[in-house]
């Protein structure tokens, strides 16, 4: 699907503002067709950039605020 935005450009912008601890206008305010699918794609691109820079993933977010996960992990 063709969008009015480029996911690589958004990933570069998002990574830059993360690195500078800044805020930007939500992408959903800029583009009405920017949704969850695009957000996950941008997150993946940022992850790839950080790994390429030498970052090493050390775990994963599980979501312990969800009570259904508690029994799964013995909590």
PDB file of N, CA and C in Angstrom:
ATOM      1  N   UNK A   1       0.837  -1.174   0.000  1.00  0.00           N
ATOM      2  CA  UNK A   1       0.000   0.000   0.000  1.00  0.00           C
ATOM      3  C   UNK A   1       0.889   1.248   0.000  1.00  0.00           C
ATOM      4  N   UNK A   2       0.534   2.232  -0.793  1.00  0.00           N
ATOM      5  CA  UNK A   2       1.293   3.480  -0.890  1.00  0.00           C
ATOM      6  C   UNK A   2       0.782   4.475   0.150  1.00  0.00           C
ATOM      7  N   UNK A   3       1.702   5.075   0.884  1.00  0.00           N
ATOM      8  CA  UNK A   3       1.369   6.050   1.916  1.00  0.00           C
ATOM      9  C   UNK A   3       1.936   7.407   1.527  1.00  0.00           C
ATOM     10  N   UNK A   4       1.538   8.417   2.248  1.00  0.00           N
ATOM     11  CA  UNK A   4       2.095   9.752   2.062  1.00  0.00           C
ATOM     12  C   UNK A   4       3.324   9.968   2.923  1.00  0.00           C
ATOM     13  N   UNK A   5       3.956   8.881   3.343  1.00  0.00           N
ATOM     14  CA  UNK A   5       5.141   8.971   4.193  1.00  0.00           C
ATOM     15  C   UNK A   5       6.065   7.808   3.876  1.00  0.00           C
ATOM     16  N   UNK A   6       7.309   7.931   4.330  1.00  0.00           N
ATOM     17  CA  UNK A   6       8.304   6.884   4.135  1.00  0.00           C
ATOM     18  C   UNK A   6       8.697   6.339   5.509  1.00  0.00           C
ATOM     19  N   UNK A   7       8.547   5.036   5.700  1.00  0.00           N
ATOM     20  CA  UNK A   7       8.832   4.440   7.011  1.00  0.00           C
ATOM     21  C   UNK A   7      10.284   4.627   7.432  1.00  0.00           C
ATOM     22  N   UNK A   8      11.209   4.608   6.484  1.00  0.00           N
ATOM     23  CA  UNK A   8      12.622   4.811   6.831  1.00  0.00           C
ATOM     24  C   UNK A   8      12.857   6.240   7.331  1.00  0.00           C
ATOM     25  N   UNK A   9      12.203   7.211   6.699  1.00  0.00           N
ATOM     26  CA  UNK A   9      12.326   8.595   7.167  1.00  0.00           C
ATOM     27  C   UNK A   9      11.774   8.741   8.580  1.00  0.00           C
ATOM     28  N   UNK A  10      10.640   8.117   8.835  1.00  0.00           N
ATOM     29  CA  UNK A  10      10.039   8.188  10.167  1.00  0.00           C
ATOM     30  C   UNK A  10      10.937   7.499  11.187  1.00  0.00           C
ATOM     31  N   UNK A  11      11.495   6.352  10.831  1.00  0.00           N
ATOM     32  CA  UNK A  11      12.393   5.640  11.751  1.00  0.00           C
ATOM     33  C   UNK A  11      13.619   6.493  12.072  1.00  0.00           C
ATOM     34  N   UNK A  12      14.176   7.140  11.067  1.00  0.00           N
ATOM     35  CA  UNK A  12      15.335   8.012  11.311  1.00  0.00           C
ATOM     36  C   UNK A  12      14.966   9.174  12.223  1.00  0.00           C
ATOM     37  N   UNK A  13      13.802   9.778  11.990  1.00  0.00           N
ATOM     38  CA  UNK A  13      13.358  10.884  12.839  1.00  0.00           C
ATOM     39  C   UNK A  13      13.114  10.401  14.268  1.00  0.00           C
ATOM     40  N   UNK A  14      12.429   9.273  14.407  1.00  0.00           N
ATOM     41  CA  UNK A  14      12.105   8.764  15.737  1.00  0.00           C
ATOM     42  C   UNK A  14      13.365   8.403  16.508  1.00  0.00           C
ATOM     43  N   UNK A  15      14.309   7.769  15.854  1.00  0.00           N
ATOM     44  CA  UNK A  15      15.561   7.411  16.528  1.00  0.00           C
ATOM     45  C   UNK A  15      16.302   8.670  16.964  1.00  0.00           C
ATOM     46  N   UNK A  16      16.317   9.686  16.111  1.00  0.00           N
ATOM     47  CA  UNK A  16      17.006  10.936  16.453  1.00  0.00           C
ATOM     48  C   UNK A  16      16.372  11.599  17.668  1.00  0.00           C
ATOM     49  N   UNK A  17      15.044  11.650  17.721  1.00  0.00           N
ATOM     50  CA  UNK A  17      14.415  12.292  18.877  1.00  0.00           C
ATOM     51  C   UNK A  17      14.560  11.443  20.133  1.00  0.00           C
ATOM     52  N   UNK A  18      14.609  10.122  19.980  1.00  0.00           N
ATOM     53  CA  UNK A  18      14.887   9.270  21.144  1.00  0.00           C
ATOM     54  C   UNK A  18      16.287   9.556  21.663  1.00  0.00           C
ATOM     55  N   UNK A  19      17.251   9.642  20.766  1.00  0.00           N
ATOM     56  CA  UNK A  19      18.637   9.883  21.167  1.00  0.00           C
ATOM     57  C   UNK A  19      18.803  11.240  21.852  1.00  0.00           C
ATOM     58  N   UNK A  20      17.988  12.214  21.456  1.00  0.00           N
ATOM     59  CA  UNK A  20      18.066  13.556  22.026  1.00  0.00           C
ATOM     60  C   UNK A  20      17.075  13.770  23.172  1.00  0.00           C
ATOM     61  N   UNK A  21      16.310  12.726  23.520  1.00  0.00           N
ATOM     62  CA  UNK A  21      15.288  12.820  24.576  1.00  0.00           C
ATOM     63  C   UNK A  21      14.333  13.979  24.309  1.00  0.00           C
ATOM     64  N   UNK A  22      13.829  14.027  23.088  1.00  0.00           N
ATOM     65  CA  UNK A  22      12.887  15.080  22.686  1.00  0.00           C
ATOM     66  C   UNK A  22      11.540  14.470  22.338  1.00  0.00           C
ATOM     67  N   UNK A  23      10.557  15.323  22.194  1.00  0.00           N
ATOM     68  CA  UNK A  23       9.229  14.895  21.783  1.00  0.00           C
ATOM     69  C   UNK A  23       8.925  15.470  20.409  1.00  0.00           C
ATOM     70  N   UNK A  24       8.067  14.786  19.683  1.00  0.00           N
ATOM     71  CA  UNK A  24       7.592  15.267  18.392  1.00  0.00           C
ATOM     72  C   UNK A  24       6.077  15.095  18.343  1.00  0.00           C
ATOM     73  N   UNK A  25       5.477  15.779  17.400  1.00  0.00           N
ATOM     74  CA  UNK A  25       4.044  15.609  17.167  1.00  0.00           C
ATOM     75  C   UNK A  25       3.781  14.148  16.812  1.00  0.00           C
ATOM     76  N   UNK A  26       2.733  13.545  17.356  1.00  0.00           N
ATOM     77  CA  UNK A  26       2.450  12.143  17.026  1.00  0.00           C
ATOM     78  C   UNK A  26       2.324  11.932  15.517  1.00  0.00           C
ATOM     79  N   UNK A  27       2.883  10.852  15.053  1.00  0.00           N
ATOM     80  CA  UNK A  27       2.825  10.551  13.620  1.00  0.00           C
ATOM     81  C   UNK A  27       1.382  10.362  13.162  1.00  0.00           C
ATOM     82  N   UNK A  28       0.528   9.889  14.061  1.00  0.00           N
ATOM     83  CA  UNK A  28      -0.884   9.720  13.715  1.00  0.00           C
ATOM     84  C   UNK A  28      -1.568  11.071  13.503  1.00  0.00           C
ATOM     85  N   UNK A  29      -1.017  12.140  14.060  1.00  0.00           N
ATOM     86  CA  UNK A  29      -1.560  13.476  13.815  1.00  0.00           C
ATOM     87  C   UNK A  29      -1.126  13.990  12.446  1.00  0.00           C
ATOM     88  N   UNK A  30       0.021  13.523  11.998  1.00  0.00           N
ATOM     89  CA  UNK A  30       0.529  13.971  10.698  1.00  0.00           C
ATOM     90  C   UNK A  30      -0.077  13.190   9.541  1.00  0.00           C
ATOM     91  N   UNK A  31      -0.255  11.895   9.754  1.00  0.00           N
ATOM     92  CA  UNK A  31      -0.751  11.023   8.683  1.00  0.00           C
ATOM     93  C   UNK A  31      -1.855  10.132   9.241  1.00  0.00           C
ATOM     94  N   UNK A  32      -3.044  10.276   8.730  1.00  0.00           N
ATOM     95  CA  UNK A  32      -4.180   9.510   9.242  1.00  0.00           C
ATOM     96  C   UNK A  32      -4.046   8.020   8.956  1.00  0.00           C
ATOM     97  N   UNK A  33      -3.242   7.654   7.968  1.00  0.00           N
ATOM     98  CA  UNK A  33      -3.080   6.232   7.641  1.00  0.00           C
ATOM     99  C   UNK A  33      -1.853   5.603   8.303  1.00  0.00           C
ATOM    100  N   UNK A  34      -1.263   6.300   9.288  1.00  0.00           N
ATOM    101  CA  UNK A  34      -0.166   5.723  10.065  1.00  0.00           C
ATOM    102  C   UNK A  34      -0.789   4.987  11.247  1.00  0.00           C
ATOM    103  N   UNK A  35      -0.721   3.657  11.229  1.00  0.00           N
ATOM    104  CA  UNK A  35      -1.362   2.853  12.261  1.00  0.00           C
ATOM    105  C   UNK A  35      -0.404   1.896  12.934  1.00  0.00           C
ATOM    106  N   UNK A  36      -0.958   0.896  13.590  1.00  0.00           N
ATOM    107  CA  UNK A  36      -0.150  -0.078  14.332  1.00  0.00           C
ATOM    108  C   UNK A  36       0.833  -0.827  13.435  1.00  0.00           C
ATOM    109  N   UNK A  37       0.393  -1.227  12.261  1.00  0.00           N
ATOM    110  CA  UNK A  37       1.280  -1.964  11.359  1.00  0.00           C
ATOM    111  C   UNK A  37       2.505  -1.132  11.023  1.00  0.00           C
ATOM    112  N   UNK A  38       2.295   0.137  10.721  1.00  0.00           N
ATOM    113  CA  UNK A  38       3.406   1.019  10.379  1.00  0.00           C
ATOM    114  C   UNK A  38       4.284   1.297  11.605  1.00  0.00           C
ATOM    115  N   UNK A  39       3.651   1.441  12.765  1.00  0.00           N
ATOM    116  CA  UNK A  39       4.411   1.697  13.988  1.00  0.00           C
ATOM    117  C   UNK A  39       5.334   0.523  14.329  1.00  0.00           C
ATOM    118  N   UNK A  40       4.831  -0.698  14.185  1.00  0.00           N
ATOM    119  CA  UNK A  40       5.686  -1.866  14.433  1.00  0.00           C
ATOM    120  C   UNK A  40       6.815  -1.949  13.410  1.00  0.00           C
ATOM    121  N   UNK A  41       6.539  -1.581  12.169  1.00  0.00           N
ATOM    122  CA  UNK A  41       7.585  -1.586  11.144  1.00  0.00           C
ATOM    123  C   UNK A  41       8.661  -0.553  11.483  1.00  0.00           C
ATOM    124  N   UNK A  42       8.249   0.624  11.948  1.00  0.00           N
ATOM    125  CA  UNK A  42       9.206   1.658  12.342  1.00  0.00           C
ATOM    126  C   UNK A  42      10.034   1.181  13.536  1.00  0.00           C
ATOM    127  N   UNK A  43       9.394   0.574  14.527  1.00  0.00           N
ATOM    128  CA  UNK A  43      10.121   0.053  15.690  1.00  0.00           C
ATOM    129  C   UNK A  43      11.161  -0.979  15.267  1.00  0.00           C
ATOM    130  N   UNK A  44      10.797  -1.824  14.310  1.00  0.00           N
ATOM    131  CA  UNK A  44      11.743  -2.837  13.813  1.00  0.00           C
ATOM    132  C   UNK A  44      12.931  -2.165  13.108  1.00  0.00           C
ATOM    133  N   UNK A  45      12.663  -1.142  12.319  1.00  0.00           N
ATOM    134  CA  UNK A  45      13.747  -0.435  11.638  1.00  0.00           C
ATOM    135  C   UNK A  45      14.684   0.237  12.635  1.00  0.00           C
ATOM    136  N   UNK A  46      14.120   0.838  13.685  1.00  0.00           N
ATOM    137  CA  UNK A  46      14.946   1.467  14.720  1.00  0.00           C
ATOM    138  C   UNK A  46      15.790   0.406  15.425  1.00  0.00           C
ATOM    139  N   UNK A  47      15.184  -0.729  15.731  1.00  0.00           N
ATOM    140  CA  UNK A  47      15.928  -1.832  16.353  1.00  0.00           C
ATOM    141  C   UNK A  47      17.114  -2.234  15.474  1.00  0.00           C
ATOM    142  N   UNK A  48      16.872  -2.396  14.192  1.00  0.00           N
ATOM    143  CA  UNK A  48      17.947  -2.777  13.267  1.00  0.00           C
ATOM    144  C   UNK A  48      19.060  -1.731  13.247  1.00  0.00           C
ATOM    145  N   UNK A  49      18.690  -0.445  13.269  1.00  0.00           N
ATOM    146  CA  UNK A  49      19.701   0.623  13.280  1.00  0.00           C
ATOM    147  C   UNK A  49      20.541   0.549  14.551  1.00  0.00           C
ATOM    148  N   UNK A  50      19.884   0.340  15.676  1.00  0.00           N
ATOM    149  CA  UNK A  50      20.618   0.295  16.945  1.00  0.00           C
ATOM    150  C   UNK A  50      21.554  -0.919  17.007  1.00  0.00           C
ATOM    151  N   UNK A  51      21.097  -2.054  16.533  1.00  0.00           N
ATOM    152  CA  UNK A  51      21.956  -3.246  16.502  1.00  0.00           C
ATOM    153  C   UNK A  51      23.151  -3.007  15.576  1.00  0.00           C
ATOM    154  N   UNK A  52      22.902  -2.369  14.444  1.00  0.00           N
ATOM    155  CA  UNK A  52      23.990  -2.062  13.503  1.00  0.00           C
ATOM    156  C   UNK A  52      25.020  -1.130  14.130  1.00  0.00           C
ATOM    157  N   UNK A  53      24.571  -0.276  15.069  1.00  0.00           N
ATOM    158  CA  UNK A  53      25.481   0.628  15.789  1.00  0.00           C
ATOM    159  C   UNK A  53      26.218  -0.069  16.928  1.00  0.00           C
ATOM    160  N   UNK A  54      25.843  -1.316  17.215  1.00  0.00           N
ATOM    161  CA  UNK A  54      26.531  -2.063  18.259  1.00  0.00           C
ATOM    162  C   UNK A  54      25.695  -2.384  19.485  1.00  0.00           C
ATOM    163  N   UNK A  55      24.462  -1.930  19.535  1.00  0.00           N
ATOM    164  CA  UNK A  55      23.600  -2.259  20.666  1.00  0.00           C
ATOM    165  C   UNK A  55      23.328  -3.763  20.667  1.00  0.00           C
ATOM    166  N   UNK A  56      23.225  -4.320  21.856  1.00  0.00           N
ATOM    167  CA  UNK A  56      22.984  -5.750  21.989  1.00  0.00           C
ATOM    168  C   UNK A  56      21.670  -5.957  22.751  1.00  0.00           C
ATOM    169  N   UNK A  57      20.682  -6.589  22.126  1.00  0.00           N
ATOM    170  CA  UNK A  57      19.438  -6.878  22.846  1.00  0.00           C
ATOM    171  C   UNK A  57      19.726  -7.813  24.023  1.00  0.00           C
ATOM    172  N   UNK A  58      19.149  -7.505  25.185  1.00  0.00           N
ATOM    173  CA  UNK A  58      19.436  -8.309  26.371  1.00  0.00           C
ATOM    174  C   UNK A  58      18.199  -8.918  27.012  1.00  0.00           C
ATOM    175  N   UNK A  59      17.077  -8.775  26.394  1.00  0.00           N
ATOM    176  CA  UNK A  59      15.861  -9.328  26.972  1.00  0.00           C
ATOM    177  C   UNK A  59      14.680  -8.960  26.100  1.00  0.00           C
ATOM    178  N   UNK A  60      13.504  -9.134  26.681  1.00  0.00           N
ATOM    179  CA  UNK A  60      12.336  -8.704  25.935  1.00  0.00           C
ATOM    180  C   UNK A  60      11.242  -8.268  26.882  1.00  0.00           C
ATOM    181  N   UNK A  61      10.400  -7.386  26.394  1.00  0.00           N
ATOM    182  CA  UNK A  61       9.291  -6.864  27.179  1.00  0.00           C
ATOM    183  C   UNK A  61       8.183  -7.908  27.185  1.00  0.00           C
ATOM    184  N   UNK A  62       7.739  -8.266  28.371  1.00  0.00           N
ATOM    185  CA  UNK A  62       6.738  -9.314  28.489  1.00  0.00           C
ATOM    186  C   UNK A  62       5.356  -8.739  28.774  1.00  0.00           C
ATOM    187  N   UNK A  63       5.246  -7.683  29.524  1.00  0.00           N
ATOM    188  CA  UNK A  63       3.953  -7.084  29.802  1.00  0.00           C
ATOM    189  C   UNK A  63       3.310  -7.605  31.069  1.00  0.00           C
ATOM    190  N   UNK A  64       3.988  -7.451  32.188  1.00  0.00           N
ATOM    191  CA  UNK A  64       3.465  -7.969  33.445  1.00  0.00           C
ATOM    192  C   UNK A  64       2.303  -7.158  33.981  1.00  0.00           C
ATOM    193  N   UNK A  65       1.914  -6.080  33.325  1.00  0.00           N
ATOM    194  CA  UNK A  65       0.718  -5.362  33.748  1.00  0.00           C
ATOM    195  C   UNK A  65      -0.536  -6.112  33.329  1.00  0.00           C
ATOM    196  N   UNK A  66      -0.372  -7.116  32.488  1.00  0.00           N
ATOM    197  CA  UNK A  66      -1.489  -7.944  32.036  1.00  0.00           C
ATOM    198  C   UNK A  66      -1.606  -9.141  32.979  1.00  0.00           C
ATOM    199  N   UNK A  67      -2.659  -9.211  33.803  1.00  0.00           N
ATOM    200  CA  UNK A  67      -2.798 -10.303  34.780  1.00  0.00           C
ATOM    201  C   UNK A  67      -2.776 -11.699  34.148  1.00  0.00           C
ATOM    202  N   UNK A  68      -3.171 -11.820  32.898  1.00  0.00           N
ATOM    203  CA  UNK A  68      -3.137 -13.129  32.244  1.00  0.00           C
ATOM    204  C   UNK A  68      -1.708 -13.651  32.097  1.00  0.00           C
ATOM    205  N   UNK A  69      -0.737 -12.746  32.068  1.00  0.00           N
ATOM    206  CA  UNK A  69       0.658 -13.155  31.943  1.00  0.00           C
ATOM    207  C   UNK A  69       1.218 -13.675  33.266  1.00  0.00           C
ATOM    208  N   UNK A  70       0.609 -13.308  34.376  1.00  0.00           N
ATOM    209  CA  UNK A  70       1.133 -13.662  35.687  1.00  0.00           C
ATOM    210  C   UNK A  70       1.222 -15.168  35.858  1.00  0.00           C
ATOM    211  N   UNK A  71       0.166 -15.882  35.558  1.00  0.00           N
ATOM    212  CA  UNK A  71       0.187 -17.338  35.749  1.00  0.00           C
ATOM    213  C   UNK A  71       1.111 -18.008  34.736  1.00  0.00           C
ATOM    214  N   UNK A  72       1.219 -17.429  33.571  1.00  0.00           N
ATOM    215  CA  UNK A  72       2.124 -17.975  32.555  1.00  0.00           C
ATOM    216  C   UNK A  72       3.569 -17.981  33.047  1.00  0.00           C
ATOM    217  N   UNK A  73       3.911 -16.979  33.853  1.00  0.00           N
ATOM    218  CA  UNK A  73       5.288 -16.838  34.333  1.00  0.00           C
ATOM    219  C   UNK A  73       5.426 -17.127  35.823  1.00  0.00           C
ATOM    220  N   UNK A  74       4.408 -17.766  36.387  1.00  0.00           N
ATOM    221  CA  UNK A  74       4.494 -18.218  37.772  1.00  0.00           C
ATOM    222  C   UNK A  74       4.449 -17.107  38.800  1.00  0.00           C
ATOM    223  N   UNK A  75       3.730 -16.048  38.511  1.00  0.00           N
ATOM    224  CA  UNK A  75       3.635 -14.927  39.473  1.00  0.00           C
ATOM    225  C   UNK A  75       2.334 -14.976  40.221  1.00  0.00           C
TER     226      UNK A  75
END
